Amino acid sequence: MRTSQLGDLIEDQESWLAPKQPWSLSRRASALFDEYLRLIQGLEISIGRIDGMCKLGQNKSSADMASQARAFRERGTDSMDRLADYIERHNDLPGCEPGHGSG
């Protein structure tokens, strides 16, 4: 793996830890680390097909699924409203008015 690829990967993953000061390759501290760095091998995999699975509410009661949809709506964001809508549609539950929660 090229050092620039590893640096890009570290930068991407460290960004999730904000506001923590991100770690970078320039902060490596030992010859042992440099030896490990030399041993890292990158690979590329071609994706021929992606299969998805939906398990929203599997093996749950209608009341549990409705409660889950309400909890998502209470977060008050468009993405959570869309997820609640999907749970309701997928499980044939009575819908709630998007963005307003229920009960």
N, C-alpha and C. Protein backbone atom coordinates (compact mmCIF):
# COMPACT_ATOMS: atom_id res chain seq x y z
N MET A 1 0.85 -1.18 0.00
CA MET A 1 0.00 0.00 0.00
C MET A 1 0.89 1.23 0.00
N ARG A 2 0.57 2.13 -0.86
CA ARG A 2 1.34 3.37 -0.88
C ARG A 2 1.05 4.19 0.37
N THR A 3 2.06 4.91 0.84
CA THR A 3 1.90 5.74 2.04
C THR A 3 0.79 6.76 1.85
N SER A 4 0.63 7.30 0.63
CA SER A 4 -0.43 8.29 0.40
C SER A 4 -1.82 7.66 0.57
N GLN A 5 -1.98 6.40 0.14
CA GLN A 5 -3.27 5.72 0.32
C GLN A 5 -3.55 5.50 1.81
N LEU A 6 -2.53 5.07 2.54
CA LEU A 6 -2.69 4.86 3.96
C LEU A 6 -3.00 6.18 4.66
N GLY A 7 -2.32 7.22 4.26
CA GLY A 7 -2.58 8.55 4.82
C GLY A 7 -4.02 8.99 4.57
N ASP A 8 -4.52 8.76 3.35
CA ASP A 8 -5.90 9.10 3.03
C ASP A 8 -6.88 8.30 3.90
N LEU A 9 -6.60 7.01 4.07
CA LEU A 9 -7.46 6.15 4.88
C LEU A 9 -7.47 6.62 6.34
N ILE A 10 -6.30 6.91 6.88
CA ILE A 10 -6.20 7.38 8.27
C ILE A 10 -6.95 8.70 8.42
N GLU A 11 -6.76 9.62 7.48
CA GLU A 11 -7.44 10.92 7.55
C GLU A 11 -8.96 10.74 7.55
N ASP A 12 -9.46 9.86 6.68
CA ASP A 12 -10.89 9.62 6.61
C ASP A 12 -11.42 9.05 7.93
N GLN A 13 -10.75 8.06 8.46
CA GLN A 13 -11.23 7.41 9.68
C GLN A 13 -11.07 8.31 10.91
N GLU A 14 -10.01 9.06 10.97
CA GLU A 14 -9.78 9.95 12.11
C GLU A 14 -10.79 11.09 12.14
N SER A 15 -11.32 11.48 10.97
CA SER A 15 -12.28 12.58 10.92
C SER A 15 -13.55 12.25 11.70
N TRP A 16 -13.85 10.96 11.87
CA TRP A 16 -15.03 10.55 12.62
C TRP A 16 -14.86 10.80 14.12
N LEU A 17 -13.64 11.03 14.58
CA LEU A 17 -13.37 11.17 16.01
C LEU A 17 -13.34 12.62 16.48
N ALA A 18 -13.67 13.56 15.59
CA ALA A 18 -13.66 14.98 15.96
C ALA A 18 -14.55 15.17 17.18
N PRO A 19 -14.18 16.05 18.07
CA PRO A 19 -13.16 17.09 17.99
C PRO A 19 -11.77 16.65 18.44
N LYS A 20 -11.57 15.35 18.67
CA LYS A 20 -10.25 14.84 19.03
C LYS A 20 -9.23 15.24 17.96
N GLN A 21 -8.04 15.59 18.40
CA GLN A 21 -6.96 15.91 17.46
C GLN A 21 -6.66 14.67 16.62
N PRO A 22 -6.77 14.77 15.29
CA PRO A 22 -6.55 13.58 14.45
C PRO A 22 -5.12 13.09 14.49
N TRP A 23 -4.97 11.77 14.43
CA TRP A 23 -3.67 11.13 14.34
C TRP A 23 -3.28 11.10 12.87
N SER A 24 -2.00 11.15 12.58
CA SER A 24 -1.55 11.06 11.19
C SER A 24 -0.25 10.27 11.13
N LEU A 25 0.11 9.84 9.93
CA LEU A 25 1.35 9.09 9.76
C LEU A 25 2.58 9.87 10.21
N SER A 26 2.53 11.18 10.08
CA SER A 26 3.69 11.98 10.49
C SER A 26 3.94 11.90 12.00
N ARG A 27 2.95 11.44 12.77
CA ARG A 27 3.11 11.33 14.22
C ARG A 27 3.63 9.97 14.66
N ARG A 28 3.95 9.09 13.72
CA ARG A 28 4.45 7.76 14.11
C ARG A 28 5.71 7.91 14.95
N ALA A 29 5.85 7.02 15.92
CA ALA A 29 6.84 7.27 16.96
C ALA A 29 7.98 6.27 17.06
N SER A 30 7.99 5.21 16.25
CA SER A 30 9.04 4.24 16.50
C SER A 30 9.46 3.51 15.24
N ALA A 31 10.64 2.91 15.32
CA ALA A 31 11.12 2.08 14.22
C ALA A 31 10.23 0.86 14.05
N LEU A 32 9.66 0.36 15.15
CA LEU A 32 8.75 -0.78 15.08
C LEU A 32 7.53 -0.42 14.24
N PHE A 33 7.00 0.79 14.43
CA PHE A 33 5.87 1.23 13.62
C PHE A 33 6.25 1.25 12.15
N ASP A 34 7.43 1.77 11.84
CA ASP A 34 7.89 1.82 10.45
C ASP A 34 8.01 0.41 9.86
N GLU A 35 8.42 -0.56 10.68
CA GLU A 35 8.49 -1.94 10.22
C GLU A 35 7.10 -2.49 9.92
N TYR A 36 6.15 -2.21 10.82
CA TYR A 36 4.76 -2.63 10.56
C TYR A 36 4.21 -1.95 9.31
N LEU A 37 4.51 -0.69 9.14
CA LEU A 37 4.05 0.05 7.98
C LEU A 37 4.54 -0.61 6.68
N ARG A 38 5.75 -1.08 6.69
CA ARG A 38 6.32 -1.74 5.53
C ARG A 38 5.59 -3.04 5.19
N LEU A 39 4.99 -3.66 6.19
CA LEU A 39 4.31 -4.95 6.00
C LEU A 39 2.86 -4.83 5.54
N ILE A 40 2.31 -3.63 5.55
CA ILE A 40 0.91 -3.45 5.14
C ILE A 40 0.80 -3.65 3.63
N GLN A 41 -0.14 -4.48 3.24
CA GLN A 41 -0.39 -4.74 1.82
C GLN A 41 -1.79 -4.28 1.47
N GLY A 42 -1.91 -3.50 0.44
CA GLY A 42 -3.21 -3.07 -0.04
C GLY A 42 -3.74 -4.05 -1.07
N LEU A 43 -5.05 -4.02 -1.27
CA LEU A 43 -5.64 -4.86 -2.30
C LEU A 43 -6.85 -4.15 -2.88
N GLU A 44 -7.22 -4.56 -4.05
CA GLU A 44 -8.39 -4.01 -4.72
C GLU A 44 -9.30 -5.16 -5.09
N ILE A 45 -10.57 -5.01 -4.79
CA ILE A 45 -11.55 -6.05 -5.09
C ILE A 45 -12.60 -5.46 -6.02
N SER A 46 -12.81 -6.11 -7.14
CA SER A 46 -13.87 -5.70 -8.05
C SER A 46 -15.19 -6.24 -7.55
N ILE A 47 -16.19 -5.37 -7.50
CA ILE A 47 -17.51 -5.78 -7.03
C ILE A 47 -18.36 -6.12 -8.23
N GLY A 48 -18.82 -7.36 -8.28
CA GLY A 48 -19.65 -7.81 -9.40
C GLY A 48 -21.13 -7.68 -9.12
N ARG A 49 -21.51 -7.72 -7.84
CA ARG A 49 -22.92 -7.65 -7.49
C ARG A 49 -23.04 -7.27 -6.02
N ILE A 50 -24.07 -6.50 -5.70
CA ILE A 50 -24.37 -6.16 -4.31
C ILE A 50 -25.80 -6.60 -4.04
N ASP A 51 -25.99 -7.39 -3.00
CA ASP A 51 -27.31 -7.82 -2.58
C ASP A 51 -27.62 -7.15 -1.24
N GLY A 52 -28.82 -6.66 -1.10
CA GLY A 52 -29.23 -6.02 0.14
C GLY A 52 -30.32 -6.80 0.84
N MET A 53 -30.48 -6.53 2.12
CA MET A 53 -31.50 -7.20 2.90
C MET A 53 -32.15 -6.16 3.79
N CYS A 54 -33.45 -6.23 3.90
CA CYS A 54 -34.19 -5.31 4.75
C CYS A 54 -34.75 -6.09 5.93
N LYS A 55 -34.43 -5.65 7.14
CA LYS A 55 -34.91 -6.37 8.31
C LYS A 55 -35.58 -5.40 9.29
N LEU A 56 -36.21 -4.36 8.80
CA LEU A 56 -36.86 -3.40 9.68
C LEU A 56 -38.12 -4.00 10.28
N GLY A 57 -38.03 -4.42 11.52
CA GLY A 57 -39.19 -4.94 12.23
C GLY A 57 -39.34 -6.44 12.20
N GLN A 58 -38.37 -7.13 11.65
CA GLN A 58 -38.48 -8.58 11.59
C GLN A 58 -38.66 -9.16 12.99
N ASN A 59 -39.65 -10.03 13.13
CA ASN A 59 -39.94 -10.71 14.39
C ASN A 59 -40.33 -9.76 15.52
N LYS A 60 -40.84 -8.59 15.19
CA LYS A 60 -41.29 -7.64 16.20
C LYS A 60 -42.80 -7.47 16.07
N SER A 61 -43.42 -7.10 17.17
CA SER A 61 -44.86 -6.87 17.14
C SER A 61 -45.15 -5.54 16.44
N SER A 62 -46.39 -5.38 16.00
CA SER A 62 -46.79 -4.11 15.38
C SER A 62 -46.60 -2.95 16.35
N ALA A 63 -46.90 -3.18 17.61
CA ALA A 63 -46.74 -2.13 18.63
C ALA A 63 -45.27 -1.73 18.76
N ASP A 64 -44.36 -2.70 18.76
CA ASP A 64 -42.93 -2.40 18.85
C ASP A 64 -42.46 -1.60 17.63
N MET A 65 -42.92 -2.00 16.45
CA MET A 65 -42.49 -1.30 15.23
C MET A 65 -43.05 0.11 15.20
N ALA A 66 -44.31 0.30 15.64
CA ALA A 66 -44.90 1.64 15.69
C ALA A 66 -44.14 2.51 16.68
N SER A 67 -43.75 1.92 17.81
CA SER A 67 -42.98 2.64 18.81
C SER A 67 -41.61 3.06 18.25
N GLN A 68 -41.01 2.17 17.50
CA GLN A 68 -39.73 2.48 16.87
C GLN A 68 -39.88 3.64 15.88
N ALA A 69 -40.91 3.59 15.06
CA ALA A 69 -41.15 4.67 14.09
C ALA A 69 -41.37 6.00 14.82
N ARG A 70 -42.15 5.98 15.92
CA ARG A 70 -42.38 7.21 16.70
C ARG A 70 -41.07 7.75 17.25
N ALA A 71 -40.22 6.86 17.77
CA ALA A 71 -38.94 7.30 18.34
C ALA A 71 -38.07 7.96 17.27
N PHE A 72 -38.06 7.40 16.06
CA PHE A 72 -37.30 8.03 14.98
C PHE A 72 -37.87 9.40 14.65
N ARG A 73 -39.19 9.52 14.58
CA ARG A 73 -39.82 10.81 14.26
C ARG A 73 -39.49 11.86 15.31
N GLU A 74 -39.41 11.46 16.56
CA GLU A 74 -39.14 12.40 17.66
C GLU A 74 -37.76 13.04 17.54
N ARG A 75 -36.88 12.45 16.76
CA ARG A 75 -35.55 13.05 16.56
C ARG A 75 -35.63 14.32 15.73
N GLY A 76 -36.72 14.45 14.96
CA GLY A 76 -37.00 15.71 14.28
C GLY A 76 -36.15 16.03 13.07
N THR A 77 -35.61 15.03 12.40
CA THR A 77 -34.84 15.30 11.18
C THR A 77 -35.52 14.63 9.99
N ASP A 78 -35.26 15.17 8.82
CA ASP A 78 -35.84 14.61 7.60
C ASP A 78 -35.44 13.15 7.42
N SER A 79 -34.17 12.82 7.68
CA SER A 79 -33.72 11.44 7.47
C SER A 79 -34.41 10.48 8.44
N MET A 80 -34.65 10.91 9.67
CA MET A 80 -35.34 10.05 10.63
C MET A 80 -36.82 9.90 10.26
N ASP A 81 -37.42 10.98 9.74
CA ASP A 81 -38.81 10.88 9.25
C ASP A 81 -38.90 9.89 8.09
N ARG A 82 -37.94 9.93 7.19
CA ARG A 82 -37.95 9.01 6.05
C ARG A 82 -37.79 7.56 6.53
N LEU A 83 -36.94 7.34 7.52
CA LEU A 83 -36.76 6.00 8.06
C LEU A 83 -38.06 5.52 8.72
N ALA A 84 -38.71 6.39 9.48
CA ALA A 84 -39.99 6.03 10.10
C ALA A 84 -41.03 5.70 9.03
N ASP A 85 -41.08 6.50 7.96
CA ASP A 85 -42.01 6.22 6.85
C ASP A 85 -41.73 4.83 6.27
N TYR A 86 -40.46 4.53 6.09
CA TYR A 86 -40.09 3.25 5.51
C TYR A 86 -40.52 2.09 6.42
N ILE A 87 -40.29 2.23 7.72
CA ILE A 87 -40.70 1.19 8.68
C ILE A 87 -42.21 0.97 8.58
N GLU A 88 -42.96 2.07 8.52
CA GLU A 88 -44.42 1.96 8.45
C GLU A 88 -44.87 1.30 7.15
N ARG A 89 -44.30 1.71 6.03
CA ARG A 89 -44.67 1.13 4.74
C ARG A 89 -44.28 -0.35 4.67
N HIS A 90 -43.06 -0.65 5.07
CA HIS A 90 -42.53 -2.01 4.99
C HIS A 90 -43.35 -3.00 5.82
N ASN A 91 -43.89 -2.51 6.93
CA ASN A 91 -44.62 -3.38 7.85
C ASN A 91 -46.13 -3.14 7.84
N ASP A 92 -46.61 -2.39 6.84
CA ASP A 92 -48.05 -2.11 6.71
C ASP A 92 -48.65 -1.53 7.98
N LEU A 93 -47.94 -0.57 8.59
CA LEU A 93 -48.45 0.09 9.79
C LEU A 93 -49.18 1.37 9.39
N PRO A 94 -50.13 1.81 10.22
CA PRO A 94 -50.75 3.10 9.95
C PRO A 94 -49.69 4.20 10.05
N GLY A 95 -49.67 5.12 9.10
CA GLY A 95 -48.64 6.16 9.07
C GLY A 95 -48.90 7.26 10.08
N CYS A 96 -47.83 7.94 10.41
CA CYS A 96 -47.90 9.14 11.23
C CYS A 96 -47.62 10.32 10.31
N GLU A 97 -48.07 11.47 10.70
CA GLU A 97 -47.77 12.65 9.90
C GLU A 97 -46.28 12.95 10.03
N PRO A 98 -45.53 12.99 8.91
CA PRO A 98 -44.09 13.19 8.99
C PRO A 98 -43.72 14.44 9.80
N GLY A 99 -42.74 14.27 10.66
CA GLY A 99 -42.19 15.40 11.40
C GLY A 99 -42.97 15.81 12.63
N HIS A 100 -44.10 15.17 12.91
CA HIS A 100 -44.90 15.60 14.05
C HIS A 100 -45.03 14.55 15.14
N GLY A 101 -44.46 13.39 14.93
CA GLY A 101 -44.55 12.34 15.94
C GLY A 101 -45.98 11.90 16.12
N SER A 102 -46.21 11.08 17.11
CA SER A 102 -47.58 10.66 17.40
C SER A 102 -47.65 10.21 18.84
N GLY A 103 -48.90 10.08 19.32
CA GLY A 103 -49.21 9.56 20.63
C GLY A 103 -48.42 10.12 21.69
